[in-house]
């Protein structure tokens, strides 16, 4: 990708990426507070201020690298602190706290789909093309974050969902993977295995969007 094209892409991608990551993390904190854990609230992490959630590697470096290399666009933010023991029903409520992040990405993806439809209706207008490109990036990053976080690997949201739903013995065994989860995820990303897992899921998601919205 040429440097001019990269700069244009970064300018269009900044808003979708920051919203996708910020709202994902804020959603975890908000739902945790609803179910009794005030940790994120007390640390000021239930916020729409991106600066409170930015991780230098996951929010900046990794998305820039994937934009440059043309791979699947993904990243992460600083995880919102959740004290699951402080939830009113720790094992059951963990499910809703974990689901909040991917659910926020689903709603944002649908919002960008509507903006993409608007851009197509405005074809020929000055803002139509950049709006369409921004919406496409917004759809992509939110679908990737949703599907990535639903993988059943602690500390990803899917791992927490699995721990919440599994019987205690199996949940305890899965939870022991959490200290190594990010290393496993980075290994999967570096070896392209993560791409092999996510691409079919992304194709299915885009097929559903095409079927429902006609994009």
N, C-alpha and C. Protein backbone atom coordinates (compact mmCIF):
# COMPACT_ATOMS: atom_id res chain seq x y z
N UNK A 1 0.85 -1.19 0.00
CA UNK A 1 0.00 0.00 0.00
C UNK A 1 0.89 1.24 0.00
N UNK A 2 0.64 2.18 -0.93
CA UNK A 2 1.42 3.40 -1.00
C UNK A 2 1.14 4.28 0.21
N UNK A 3 2.13 5.13 0.54
CA UNK A 3 2.04 5.92 1.77
C UNK A 3 0.83 6.85 1.75
N UNK A 4 0.54 7.47 0.57
CA UNK A 4 -0.61 8.36 0.48
C UNK A 4 -1.91 7.61 0.73
N UNK A 5 -1.99 6.42 0.14
CA UNK A 5 -3.19 5.60 0.31
C UNK A 5 -3.33 5.15 1.76
N UNK A 6 -2.19 4.82 2.39
CA UNK A 6 -2.21 4.40 3.80
C UNK A 6 -2.72 5.52 4.69
N UNK A 7 -2.24 6.75 4.44
CA UNK A 7 -2.67 7.90 5.25
C UNK A 7 -4.18 8.12 5.10
N UNK A 8 -4.68 8.02 3.87
CA UNK A 8 -6.12 8.16 3.65
C UNK A 8 -6.90 7.08 4.39
N UNK A 9 -6.39 5.85 4.33
CA UNK A 9 -7.07 4.74 5.01
C UNK A 9 -7.07 4.93 6.52
N UNK A 10 -5.94 5.40 7.07
CA UNK A 10 -5.85 5.64 8.51
C UNK A 10 -6.86 6.71 8.92
N UNK A 11 -6.97 7.78 8.12
CA UNK A 11 -7.90 8.86 8.44
C UNK A 11 -9.34 8.35 8.46
N UNK A 12 -9.67 7.46 7.52
CA UNK A 12 -11.03 6.92 7.47
C UNK A 12 -11.26 5.86 8.55
N UNK A 13 -10.19 5.15 8.93
CA UNK A 13 -10.34 4.04 9.87
C UNK A 13 -10.32 4.49 11.33
N UNK A 14 -9.79 5.67 11.61
CA UNK A 14 -9.59 6.09 13.00
C UNK A 14 -10.89 6.09 13.80
N UNK A 15 -11.93 6.71 13.26
CA UNK A 15 -13.20 6.81 13.99
C UNK A 15 -13.83 5.43 14.19
N UNK A 16 -13.98 4.61 13.14
CA UNK A 16 -14.57 3.28 13.37
C UNK A 16 -13.80 2.43 14.37
N UNK A 17 -12.47 2.45 14.29
CA UNK A 17 -11.67 1.62 15.20
C UNK A 17 -11.81 2.10 16.64
N UNK A 18 -11.69 3.41 16.86
CA UNK A 18 -11.79 3.94 18.22
C UNK A 18 -13.17 3.68 18.82
N UNK A 19 -14.23 3.88 18.03
CA UNK A 19 -15.57 3.60 18.53
C UNK A 19 -15.75 2.12 18.83
N UNK A 20 -15.28 1.26 17.93
CA UNK A 20 -15.47 -0.18 18.11
C UNK A 20 -14.82 -0.67 19.39
N UNK A 21 -13.60 -0.20 19.65
CA UNK A 21 -12.86 -0.67 20.82
C UNK A 21 -13.36 -0.01 22.10
N UNK A 22 -13.62 1.31 22.03
CA UNK A 22 -14.04 2.06 23.22
C UNK A 22 -15.40 1.59 23.71
N UNK A 23 -16.38 1.49 22.83
CA UNK A 23 -17.71 1.08 23.25
C UNK A 23 -17.74 -0.37 23.70
N UNK A 24 -16.90 -1.20 23.10
CA UNK A 24 -16.81 -2.60 23.53
C UNK A 24 -16.40 -2.68 25.00
N UNK A 25 -15.35 -1.95 25.35
CA UNK A 25 -14.87 -2.01 26.73
C UNK A 25 -15.82 -1.30 27.70
N UNK A 26 -16.36 -0.16 27.29
CA UNK A 26 -17.30 0.54 28.16
C UNK A 26 -18.53 -0.31 28.44
N UNK A 27 -18.96 -1.09 27.45
CA UNK A 27 -20.13 -1.96 27.63
C UNK A 27 -19.88 -3.00 28.71
N UNK A 28 -18.68 -3.57 28.73
CA UNK A 28 -18.34 -4.52 29.80
C UNK A 28 -18.48 -3.85 31.17
N UNK A 29 -17.92 -2.65 31.31
CA UNK A 29 -17.95 -1.96 32.59
C UNK A 29 -19.35 -1.59 33.01
N UNK A 30 -20.15 -1.14 32.05
CA UNK A 30 -21.52 -0.74 32.37
C UNK A 30 -22.33 -1.93 32.87
N UNK A 31 -22.24 -3.07 32.18
CA UNK A 31 -23.02 -4.25 32.57
C UNK A 31 -22.50 -4.81 33.90
N UNK A 32 -21.17 -4.76 34.10
CA UNK A 32 -20.62 -5.21 35.38
C UNK A 32 -21.17 -4.37 36.53
N UNK A 33 -21.25 -3.05 36.31
CA UNK A 33 -21.82 -2.18 37.35
C UNK A 33 -23.29 -2.54 37.61
N UNK A 34 -24.03 -2.81 36.54
CA UNK A 34 -25.44 -3.17 36.68
C UNK A 34 -25.62 -4.41 37.55
N UNK A 35 -24.67 -5.35 37.44
CA UNK A 35 -24.78 -6.60 38.20
C UNK A 35 -24.00 -6.56 39.51
N UNK A 36 -23.51 -5.37 39.91
CA UNK A 36 -22.99 -5.24 41.26
C UNK A 36 -21.51 -4.97 41.41
N UNK A 37 -20.72 -5.04 40.32
CA UNK A 37 -19.28 -4.80 40.43
C UNK A 37 -18.99 -3.35 40.05
N UNK A 38 -18.48 -2.58 40.99
CA UNK A 38 -18.22 -1.15 40.78
C UNK A 38 -16.77 -0.87 40.39
N UNK A 39 -15.95 -1.90 40.14
CA UNK A 39 -14.53 -1.71 39.90
C UNK A 39 -14.25 -0.77 38.73
N UNK A 40 -14.84 -1.06 37.59
CA UNK A 40 -14.60 -0.24 36.40
C UNK A 40 -15.10 1.19 36.60
N UNK A 41 -16.24 1.32 37.26
CA UNK A 41 -16.81 2.65 37.52
C UNK A 41 -15.89 3.46 38.41
N UNK A 42 -15.37 2.84 39.46
CA UNK A 42 -14.49 3.55 40.39
C UNK A 42 -13.16 3.94 39.76
N UNK A 43 -12.73 3.20 38.74
CA UNK A 43 -11.47 3.51 38.05
C UNK A 43 -11.68 4.39 36.82
N UNK A 44 -12.91 4.85 36.62
CA UNK A 44 -13.20 5.74 35.51
C UNK A 44 -13.16 5.08 34.15
N UNK A 45 -13.39 3.77 34.09
CA UNK A 45 -13.30 3.06 32.82
C UNK A 45 -14.64 2.92 32.12
N UNK A 46 -15.75 3.31 32.76
CA UNK A 46 -17.03 3.35 32.06
C UNK A 46 -17.10 4.72 31.40
N UNK A 47 -16.42 4.84 30.30
CA UNK A 47 -16.23 6.13 29.65
C UNK A 47 -16.19 5.96 28.14
N UNK A 48 -16.68 6.98 27.41
CA UNK A 48 -16.58 7.00 25.96
C UNK A 48 -15.33 7.74 25.51
N UNK A 49 -14.47 8.11 26.44
CA UNK A 49 -13.20 8.76 26.11
C UNK A 49 -12.20 7.69 25.66
N UNK A 50 -11.83 7.67 24.38
CA UNK A 50 -10.93 6.61 23.89
C UNK A 50 -9.61 6.55 24.63
N UNK A 51 -9.12 7.69 25.14
CA UNK A 51 -7.83 7.71 25.81
C UNK A 51 -7.80 6.81 27.04
N UNK A 52 -8.96 6.56 27.64
CA UNK A 52 -9.02 5.70 28.82
C UNK A 52 -8.90 4.23 28.46
N UNK A 53 -9.04 3.89 27.18
CA UNK A 53 -9.09 2.49 26.77
C UNK A 53 -7.97 2.10 25.82
N UNK A 54 -7.19 3.08 25.32
CA UNK A 54 -6.19 2.78 24.29
C UNK A 54 -5.05 1.93 24.85
N UNK A 55 -4.74 0.87 24.13
CA UNK A 55 -3.55 0.06 24.38
C UNK A 55 -2.59 0.34 23.23
N UNK A 56 -1.34 0.77 23.50
CA UNK A 56 -0.44 1.17 22.41
C UNK A 56 -0.26 0.09 21.33
N UNK A 57 -0.20 -1.16 21.75
CA UNK A 57 -0.01 -2.25 20.78
C UNK A 57 -1.33 -2.62 20.11
N UNK A 58 -2.33 -2.95 20.92
CA UNK A 58 -3.58 -3.48 20.38
C UNK A 58 -4.46 -2.46 19.69
N UNK A 59 -4.40 -1.19 20.13
CA UNK A 59 -5.28 -0.17 19.57
C UNK A 59 -4.62 0.62 18.46
N UNK A 60 -3.29 0.71 18.47
CA UNK A 60 -2.59 1.55 17.49
C UNK A 60 -1.70 0.72 16.57
N UNK A 61 -0.70 0.03 17.13
CA UNK A 61 0.30 -0.65 16.32
C UNK A 61 -0.30 -1.78 15.48
N UNK A 62 -1.09 -2.66 16.12
CA UNK A 62 -1.62 -3.82 15.40
C UNK A 62 -2.59 -3.43 14.28
N UNK A 63 -3.56 -2.52 14.53
CA UNK A 63 -4.42 -2.09 13.41
C UNK A 63 -3.62 -1.45 12.27
N UNK A 64 -2.60 -0.63 12.59
CA UNK A 64 -1.78 -0.03 11.54
C UNK A 64 -1.06 -1.10 10.73
N UNK A 65 -0.54 -2.11 11.41
CA UNK A 65 0.16 -3.19 10.70
C UNK A 65 -0.79 -3.96 9.79
N UNK A 66 -2.00 -4.24 10.27
CA UNK A 66 -2.94 -5.00 9.43
C UNK A 66 -3.43 -4.15 8.27
N UNK A 67 -3.58 -2.83 8.48
CA UNK A 67 -3.94 -1.96 7.37
C UNK A 67 -2.83 -1.94 6.33
N UNK A 68 -1.58 -1.89 6.78
CA UNK A 68 -0.43 -1.84 5.88
C UNK A 68 -0.27 -3.15 5.11
N UNK A 69 -0.43 -4.28 5.82
CA UNK A 69 -0.20 -5.58 5.20
C UNK A 69 -1.41 -6.12 4.47
N UNK A 70 -2.59 -5.53 4.74
CA UNK A 70 -3.79 -5.96 4.05
C UNK A 70 -4.45 -7.20 4.62
N UNK A 71 -4.10 -7.57 5.85
CA UNK A 71 -4.73 -8.73 6.47
C UNK A 71 -6.06 -8.37 7.10
N UNK A 72 -6.59 -9.30 7.94
CA UNK A 72 -7.83 -9.04 8.65
C UNK A 72 -7.57 -7.94 9.68
N UNK A 73 -8.35 -6.88 9.61
CA UNK A 73 -8.19 -5.74 10.51
C UNK A 73 -8.72 -6.09 11.89
N UNK A 74 -7.84 -6.11 12.88
CA UNK A 74 -8.31 -6.33 14.25
C UNK A 74 -7.34 -5.71 15.24
N UNK A 75 -7.79 -5.63 16.48
CA UNK A 75 -6.98 -5.06 17.55
C UNK A 75 -7.71 -5.25 18.87
N UNK A 76 -7.22 -4.58 19.90
CA UNK A 76 -7.86 -4.67 21.20
C UNK A 76 -7.53 -3.42 22.01
N UNK A 77 -8.23 -3.24 23.11
CA UNK A 77 -7.99 -2.13 24.01
C UNK A 77 -7.56 -2.67 25.37
N UNK A 78 -7.23 -1.76 26.28
CA UNK A 78 -6.95 -2.20 27.65
C UNK A 78 -8.22 -2.80 28.23
N UNK A 79 -8.16 -4.03 28.72
CA UNK A 79 -9.37 -4.65 29.26
C UNK A 79 -9.94 -3.86 30.43
N UNK A 80 -11.24 -3.71 30.44
CA UNK A 80 -11.90 -3.08 31.58
C UNK A 80 -11.81 -4.03 32.78
N UNK A 81 -11.37 -3.54 33.94
CA UNK A 81 -11.25 -4.43 35.10
C UNK A 81 -12.62 -4.85 35.62
N UNK A 82 -12.80 -6.15 35.77
CA UNK A 82 -14.04 -6.69 36.32
C UNK A 82 -13.69 -7.64 37.45
N UNK A 83 -14.25 -7.40 38.61
CA UNK A 83 -14.09 -8.30 39.75
C UNK A 83 -15.31 -9.21 39.78
N UNK A 84 -15.17 -10.38 39.18
CA UNK A 84 -16.33 -11.27 39.04
C UNK A 84 -16.86 -11.71 40.40
N UNK A 85 -15.99 -11.75 41.40
CA UNK A 85 -16.44 -12.13 42.74
C UNK A 85 -17.41 -11.11 43.32
N UNK A 86 -17.36 -9.86 42.82
CA UNK A 86 -18.24 -8.80 43.34
C UNK A 86 -19.62 -8.82 42.67
N UNK A 87 -19.78 -9.61 41.61
CA UNK A 87 -21.09 -9.71 40.97
C UNK A 87 -22.06 -10.42 41.91
N UNK A 88 -23.33 -10.09 41.77
CA UNK A 88 -24.31 -10.68 42.69
C UNK A 88 -24.37 -12.20 42.55
N UNK A 89 -24.30 -12.70 41.32
CA UNK A 89 -24.24 -14.15 41.07
C UNK A 89 -23.05 -14.37 40.13
N UNK A 90 -21.84 -14.50 40.67
CA UNK A 90 -20.62 -14.43 39.86
C UNK A 90 -20.64 -15.31 38.61
N UNK A 91 -20.97 -16.59 38.74
CA UNK A 91 -20.88 -17.48 37.58
C UNK A 91 -21.94 -17.16 36.54
N UNK A 92 -23.17 -16.87 36.98
CA UNK A 92 -24.24 -16.58 36.04
C UNK A 92 -24.08 -15.20 35.42
N UNK A 93 -23.75 -14.19 36.24
CA UNK A 93 -23.66 -12.82 35.73
C UNK A 93 -22.45 -12.60 34.84
N UNK A 94 -21.43 -13.45 34.98
CA UNK A 94 -20.27 -13.38 34.11
C UNK A 94 -20.69 -13.48 32.64
N UNK A 95 -21.71 -14.28 32.37
CA UNK A 95 -22.20 -14.46 31.00
C UNK A 95 -22.61 -13.13 30.39
N UNK A 96 -23.38 -12.33 31.13
CA UNK A 96 -23.91 -11.07 30.59
C UNK A 96 -22.83 -10.01 30.48
N UNK A 97 -21.90 -10.01 31.44
CA UNK A 97 -20.78 -9.07 31.36
C UNK A 97 -19.93 -9.37 30.12
N UNK A 98 -19.66 -10.64 29.88
CA UNK A 98 -18.85 -11.03 28.73
C UNK A 98 -19.57 -10.76 27.42
N UNK A 99 -20.88 -11.02 27.37
CA UNK A 99 -21.64 -10.82 26.14
C UNK A 99 -21.77 -9.35 25.75
N UNK A 100 -21.65 -8.46 26.72
CA UNK A 100 -21.89 -7.04 26.46
C UNK A 100 -20.96 -6.49 25.39
N UNK A 101 -19.69 -6.89 25.41
CA UNK A 101 -18.73 -6.38 24.43
C UNK A 101 -19.07 -6.80 23.01
N UNK A 102 -19.18 -8.11 22.71
CA UNK A 102 -19.56 -8.53 21.37
C UNK A 102 -20.91 -7.98 20.93
N UNK A 103 -21.86 -7.85 21.87
CA UNK A 103 -23.17 -7.30 21.51
C UNK A 103 -23.04 -5.85 21.06
N UNK A 104 -22.17 -5.08 21.72
CA UNK A 104 -21.97 -3.69 21.31
C UNK A 104 -21.38 -3.63 19.91
N UNK A 105 -20.47 -4.55 19.59
CA UNK A 105 -19.89 -4.58 18.25
C UNK A 105 -20.92 -4.97 17.19
N UNK A 106 -21.84 -5.85 17.54
CA UNK A 106 -22.90 -6.23 16.61
C UNK A 106 -23.77 -5.02 16.28
N UNK A 107 -24.17 -4.28 17.32
CA UNK A 107 -25.01 -3.10 17.09
C UNK A 107 -24.27 -2.03 16.29
N UNK A 108 -22.97 -1.86 16.59
CA UNK A 108 -22.20 -0.88 15.82
C UNK A 108 -22.04 -1.31 14.37
N UNK A 109 -21.83 -2.60 14.13
CA UNK A 109 -21.73 -3.09 12.76
C UNK A 109 -23.01 -2.80 12.00
N UNK A 110 -24.16 -3.02 12.63
CA UNK A 110 -25.44 -2.74 11.98
C UNK A 110 -25.59 -1.24 11.73
N UNK A 111 -25.11 -0.41 12.65
CA UNK A 111 -25.15 1.04 12.43
C UNK A 111 -24.32 1.45 11.22
N UNK A 112 -23.14 0.86 11.07
CA UNK A 112 -22.30 1.16 9.90
C UNK A 112 -22.93 0.63 8.62
N UNK A 113 -23.66 -0.48 8.71
CA UNK A 113 -24.38 -1.00 7.53
C UNK A 113 -25.38 0.05 7.05
N UNK A 114 -26.11 0.65 7.98
CA UNK A 114 -27.09 1.68 7.61
C UNK A 114 -26.40 2.89 6.99
N UNK A 115 -25.22 3.27 7.52
CA UNK A 115 -24.48 4.38 6.93
C UNK A 115 -23.97 4.02 5.54
N UNK A 116 -23.60 2.75 5.34
CA UNK A 116 -23.18 2.31 4.01
C UNK A 116 -24.34 2.40 3.03
N UNK A 117 -25.54 2.02 3.47
CA UNK A 117 -26.72 2.15 2.62
C UNK A 117 -26.97 3.61 2.26
N UNK A 118 -26.79 4.51 3.24
CA UNK A 118 -26.96 5.94 2.99
C UNK A 118 -25.95 6.42 1.97
N UNK A 119 -24.68 5.98 2.11
CA UNK A 119 -23.64 6.39 1.17
C UNK A 119 -23.97 5.93 -0.25
N UNK A 120 -24.52 4.72 -0.39
CA UNK A 120 -24.89 4.22 -1.71
C UNK A 120 -26.04 5.03 -2.30
N UNK A 121 -26.93 5.50 -1.45
CA UNK A 121 -28.04 6.34 -1.94
C UNK A 121 -27.54 7.70 -2.39
N UNK A 122 -26.42 8.16 -1.82
CA UNK A 122 -25.87 9.48 -2.14
C UNK A 122 -24.79 9.41 -3.21
N UNK A 123 -24.72 8.32 -3.94
CA UNK A 123 -23.66 8.14 -4.93
C UNK A 123 -23.57 9.36 -5.85
N UNK A 124 -22.33 9.80 -6.04
CA UNK A 124 -22.10 11.00 -6.84
C UNK A 124 -21.89 12.23 -5.98
N UNK A 125 -22.33 12.17 -4.72
CA UNK A 125 -22.13 13.29 -3.80
C UNK A 125 -20.69 13.35 -3.31
N UNK A 126 -20.30 14.50 -2.79
CA UNK A 126 -18.91 14.72 -2.37
C UNK A 126 -18.49 13.78 -1.24
N UNK A 127 -19.42 13.52 -0.31
CA UNK A 127 -19.08 12.72 0.87
C UNK A 127 -19.41 11.24 0.70
N UNK A 128 -20.02 10.86 -0.42
CA UNK A 128 -20.52 9.50 -0.57
C UNK A 128 -19.39 8.47 -0.52
N UNK A 129 -18.32 8.69 -1.30
CA UNK A 129 -17.24 7.69 -1.38
C UNK A 129 -16.49 7.54 -0.06
N UNK A 130 -16.03 8.64 0.58
CA UNK A 130 -15.35 8.46 1.88
C UNK A 130 -16.27 7.88 2.96
N UNK A 131 -17.56 8.25 2.93
CA UNK A 131 -18.49 7.69 3.91
C UNK A 131 -18.65 6.20 3.70
N UNK A 132 -18.73 5.77 2.44
CA UNK A 132 -18.86 4.34 2.15
C UNK A 132 -17.62 3.58 2.61
N UNK A 133 -16.43 4.12 2.34
CA UNK A 133 -15.20 3.45 2.77
C UNK A 133 -15.11 3.38 4.29
N UNK A 134 -15.48 4.47 4.97
CA UNK A 134 -15.47 4.46 6.44
C UNK A 134 -16.46 3.45 6.98
N UNK A 135 -17.65 3.38 6.37
CA UNK A 135 -18.66 2.43 6.81
C UNK A 135 -18.19 0.99 6.60
N UNK A 136 -17.51 0.73 5.49
CA UNK A 136 -17.00 -0.61 5.23
C UNK A 136 -15.96 -1.01 6.26
N UNK A 137 -15.10 -0.06 6.64
CA UNK A 137 -14.11 -0.33 7.70
C UNK A 137 -14.83 -0.57 9.02
N UNK A 138 -15.86 0.24 9.31
CA UNK A 138 -16.62 0.08 10.54
C UNK A 138 -17.30 -1.28 10.62
N UNK A 139 -17.88 -1.72 9.53
CA UNK A 139 -18.50 -3.05 9.49
C UNK A 139 -17.45 -4.12 9.75
N UNK A 140 -16.32 -3.99 9.05
CA UNK A 140 -15.27 -5.00 9.14
C UNK A 140 -14.70 -5.12 10.54
N UNK A 141 -14.28 -4.00 11.13
CA UNK A 141 -13.63 -4.05 12.44
C UNK A 141 -14.60 -4.55 13.52
N UNK A 142 -15.87 -4.15 13.43
CA UNK A 142 -16.83 -4.59 14.45
C UNK A 142 -17.17 -6.07 14.31
N UNK A 143 -17.28 -6.56 13.09
CA UNK A 143 -17.52 -8.00 12.91
C UNK A 143 -16.32 -8.81 13.38
N UNK A 144 -15.10 -8.32 13.07
CA UNK A 144 -13.91 -9.03 13.51
C UNK A 144 -13.83 -9.07 15.04
N UNK A 145 -14.06 -7.91 15.68
CA UNK A 145 -14.01 -7.88 17.15
C UNK A 145 -15.08 -8.77 17.78
N UNK A 146 -16.27 -8.75 17.19
CA UNK A 146 -17.34 -9.60 17.72
C UNK A 146 -16.98 -11.07 17.61
N UNK A 147 -16.56 -11.50 16.42
CA UNK A 147 -16.27 -12.92 16.20
C UNK A 147 -15.01 -13.36 16.94
N UNK A 148 -13.99 -12.50 16.94
CA UNK A 148 -12.76 -12.82 17.66
C UNK A 148 -13.03 -13.01 19.14
N UNK A 149 -13.80 -12.10 19.72
CA UNK A 149 -14.06 -12.17 21.16
C UNK A 149 -15.01 -13.29 21.54
N UNK A 150 -15.72 -13.86 20.57
CA UNK A 150 -16.60 -14.99 20.88
C UNK A 150 -15.88 -16.34 20.81
N UNK A 151 -14.60 -16.33 20.41
CA UNK A 151 -13.84 -17.59 20.44
C UNK A 151 -13.72 -18.06 21.89
N UNK A 152 -13.91 -19.35 22.13
CA UNK A 152 -13.94 -19.86 23.52
C UNK A 152 -12.56 -20.02 24.13
N UNK A 153 -11.83 -18.90 24.20
CA UNK A 153 -10.48 -18.90 24.74
C UNK A 153 -10.35 -17.81 25.79
N UNK A 154 -10.28 -18.18 27.08
CA UNK A 154 -10.03 -17.14 28.09
C UNK A 154 -8.69 -16.46 27.82
N UNK A 155 -8.57 -15.14 27.98
CA UNK A 155 -9.53 -14.20 28.58
C UNK A 155 -10.47 -13.53 27.59
N UNK A 156 -10.59 -14.05 26.38
CA UNK A 156 -11.57 -13.49 25.45
C UNK A 156 -12.98 -13.67 26.01
N UNK A 157 -13.90 -12.86 25.53
CA UNK A 157 -15.27 -12.92 26.05
C UNK A 157 -15.89 -14.30 25.86
N UNK A 158 -15.57 -14.94 24.73
CA UNK A 158 -16.11 -16.28 24.50
C UNK A 158 -15.64 -17.28 25.53
N UNK A 159 -14.40 -17.11 26.01
CA UNK A 159 -13.91 -17.98 27.08
C UNK A 159 -14.67 -17.76 28.36
N UNK A 160 -14.96 -16.48 28.66
CA UNK A 160 -15.72 -16.18 29.88
C UNK A 160 -17.15 -16.70 29.75
N UNK A 161 -17.73 -16.59 28.56
CA UNK A 161 -19.08 -17.12 28.34
C UNK A 161 -19.09 -18.63 28.56
N UNK A 162 -18.06 -19.31 28.02
CA UNK A 162 -17.97 -20.76 28.19
C UNK A 162 -17.81 -21.13 29.66
N UNK A 163 -16.96 -20.39 30.39
CA UNK A 163 -16.77 -20.65 31.83
C UNK A 163 -18.09 -20.49 32.58
N UNK A 164 -18.88 -19.48 32.18
CA UNK A 164 -20.16 -19.24 32.83
C UNK A 164 -21.15 -20.36 32.58
N UNK A 165 -21.10 -20.95 31.39
CA UNK A 165 -22.12 -21.92 31.00
C UNK A 165 -21.74 -23.36 31.30
N UNK A 166 -20.45 -23.65 31.41
CA UNK A 166 -20.01 -25.02 31.64
C UNK A 166 -20.24 -25.44 33.10
N UNK A 167 -20.36 -26.74 33.36
CA UNK A 167 -20.39 -27.21 34.76
C UNK A 167 -19.10 -26.79 35.47
N UNK A 168 -19.15 -26.77 36.79
CA UNK A 168 -18.05 -26.20 37.58
C UNK A 168 -16.70 -26.86 37.28
N UNK A 169 -16.66 -28.18 37.15
CA UNK A 169 -15.38 -28.86 36.94
C UNK A 169 -14.76 -28.46 35.60
N UNK A 170 -15.58 -28.51 34.53
CA UNK A 170 -15.07 -28.14 33.21
C UNK A 170 -14.75 -26.65 33.14
N UNK A 171 -15.57 -25.83 33.81
CA UNK A 171 -15.34 -24.39 33.82
C UNK A 171 -14.01 -24.07 34.52
N UNK A 172 -13.72 -24.77 35.60
CA UNK A 172 -12.46 -24.55 36.33
C UNK A 172 -11.25 -24.92 35.47
N UNK A 173 -11.36 -26.02 34.71
CA UNK A 173 -10.26 -26.43 33.83
C UNK A 173 -10.03 -25.39 32.74
N UNK A 174 -11.11 -24.89 32.13
CA UNK A 174 -10.98 -23.89 31.07
C UNK A 174 -10.41 -22.59 31.61
N UNK A 175 -10.84 -22.19 32.81
CA UNK A 175 -10.38 -20.93 33.41
C UNK A 175 -8.88 -20.93 33.65
N UNK A 176 -8.28 -22.12 33.83
CA UNK A 176 -6.84 -22.19 34.08
C UNK A 176 -6.01 -21.77 32.87
N UNK A 177 -6.64 -21.74 31.69
CA UNK A 177 -5.93 -21.35 30.48
C UNK A 177 -5.71 -19.84 30.43
N UNK A 178 -6.50 -19.07 31.20
CA UNK A 178 -6.52 -17.61 31.06
C UNK A 178 -5.14 -16.95 31.12
N UNK A 179 -4.23 -17.32 32.02
CA UNK A 179 -2.92 -16.64 32.04
C UNK A 179 -2.14 -16.79 30.73
N UNK A 180 -2.47 -17.81 29.96
CA UNK A 180 -1.74 -18.08 28.72
C UNK A 180 -2.56 -17.72 27.48
N UNK A 181 -3.78 -17.23 27.68
CA UNK A 181 -4.69 -17.01 26.57
C UNK A 181 -4.17 -16.03 25.53
N UNK A 182 -3.60 -14.89 25.97
CA UNK A 182 -3.12 -13.89 25.03
C UNK A 182 -1.92 -14.41 24.25
N UNK A 183 -1.06 -15.20 24.88
CA UNK A 183 0.08 -15.78 24.16
C UNK A 183 -0.42 -16.76 23.09
N UNK A 184 -1.45 -17.54 23.44
CA UNK A 184 -2.04 -18.46 22.46
C UNK A 184 -2.64 -17.67 21.30
N UNK A 185 -3.33 -16.57 21.61
CA UNK A 185 -3.97 -15.76 20.58
C UNK A 185 -2.92 -15.14 19.65
N UNK A 186 -1.84 -14.60 20.22
CA UNK A 186 -0.77 -14.02 19.39
C UNK A 186 -0.13 -15.08 18.51
N UNK A 187 0.07 -16.28 19.06
CA UNK A 187 0.63 -17.38 18.27
C UNK A 187 -0.29 -17.73 17.11
N UNK A 188 -1.59 -17.79 17.37
CA UNK A 188 -2.55 -18.10 16.30
C UNK A 188 -2.53 -17.02 15.23
N UNK A 189 -2.37 -15.75 15.65
CA UNK A 189 -2.34 -14.65 14.69
C UNK A 189 -1.07 -14.69 13.84
N UNK A 190 0.07 -14.94 14.49
CA UNK A 190 1.36 -14.96 13.78
C UNK A 190 1.42 -16.11 12.79
N UNK A 191 0.84 -17.25 13.14
CA UNK A 191 0.91 -18.44 12.27
C UNK A 191 -0.24 -18.49 11.26
N UNK A 192 -1.05 -17.44 11.18
CA UNK A 192 -2.18 -17.35 10.23
C UNK A 192 -3.34 -18.26 10.58
N UNK A 193 -3.24 -19.03 11.66
CA UNK A 193 -4.34 -19.90 12.05
C UNK A 193 -5.58 -19.08 12.39
N UNK A 194 -5.35 -17.92 13.04
CA UNK A 194 -6.47 -17.06 13.42
C UNK A 194 -7.24 -16.61 12.17
N UNK A 195 -6.51 -16.27 11.11
CA UNK A 195 -7.15 -15.88 9.87
C UNK A 195 -7.97 -17.02 9.29
N UNK A 196 -7.45 -18.23 9.34
CA UNK A 196 -8.19 -19.40 8.84
C UNK A 196 -9.48 -19.61 9.62
N UNK A 197 -9.44 -19.30 10.91
CA UNK A 197 -10.64 -19.47 11.74
C UNK A 197 -11.66 -18.37 11.46
N UNK A 198 -11.16 -17.11 11.37
CA UNK A 198 -12.07 -15.96 11.28
C UNK A 198 -12.64 -15.76 9.88
N UNK A 199 -11.88 -16.06 8.83
CA UNK A 199 -12.36 -15.75 7.48
C UNK A 199 -13.67 -16.44 7.13
N UNK A 200 -13.83 -17.75 7.40
CA UNK A 200 -15.13 -18.37 7.10
C UNK A 200 -16.28 -17.74 7.90
N UNK A 201 -15.99 -17.38 9.16
CA UNK A 201 -17.02 -16.75 9.99
C UNK A 201 -17.37 -15.36 9.45
N UNK A 202 -16.35 -14.62 9.00
CA UNK A 202 -16.58 -13.31 8.40
C UNK A 202 -17.41 -13.44 7.12
N UNK A 203 -17.10 -14.45 6.31
CA UNK A 203 -17.85 -14.66 5.07
C UNK A 203 -19.32 -14.93 5.36
N UNK A 204 -19.58 -15.74 6.40
CA UNK A 204 -20.97 -16.02 6.78
C UNK A 204 -21.66 -14.74 7.23
N UNK A 205 -20.95 -13.93 8.05
CA UNK A 205 -21.53 -12.68 8.55
C UNK A 205 -21.86 -11.74 7.40
N UNK A 206 -20.95 -11.61 6.43
CA UNK A 206 -21.20 -10.75 5.28
C UNK A 206 -22.34 -11.28 4.41
N UNK A 207 -22.45 -12.61 4.29
CA UNK A 207 -23.56 -13.19 3.53
C UNK A 207 -24.89 -12.86 4.17
N UNK A 208 -24.94 -12.89 5.52
CA UNK A 208 -26.17 -12.54 6.25
C UNK A 208 -26.52 -11.08 6.02
N UNK A 209 -25.51 -10.20 6.10
CA UNK A 209 -25.73 -8.77 5.88
C UNK A 209 -26.24 -8.53 4.45
N UNK A 210 -25.61 -9.23 3.49
CA UNK A 210 -26.04 -9.09 2.10
C UNK A 210 -27.49 -9.54 1.93
N UNK A 211 -27.83 -10.63 2.58
CA UNK A 211 -29.18 -11.18 2.46
C UNK A 211 -30.22 -10.23 3.07
N UNK A 212 -29.89 -9.64 4.23
CA UNK A 212 -30.86 -8.82 4.95
C UNK A 212 -30.91 -7.39 4.39
N UNK A 213 -29.72 -6.82 4.13
CA UNK A 213 -29.66 -5.40 3.78
C UNK A 213 -29.38 -5.13 2.30
N UNK A 214 -28.99 -6.18 1.57
CA UNK A 214 -28.77 -6.01 0.15
C UNK A 214 -27.53 -5.23 -0.20
N UNK A 215 -26.51 -5.23 0.67
CA UNK A 215 -25.26 -4.52 0.37
C UNK A 215 -24.40 -5.34 -0.59
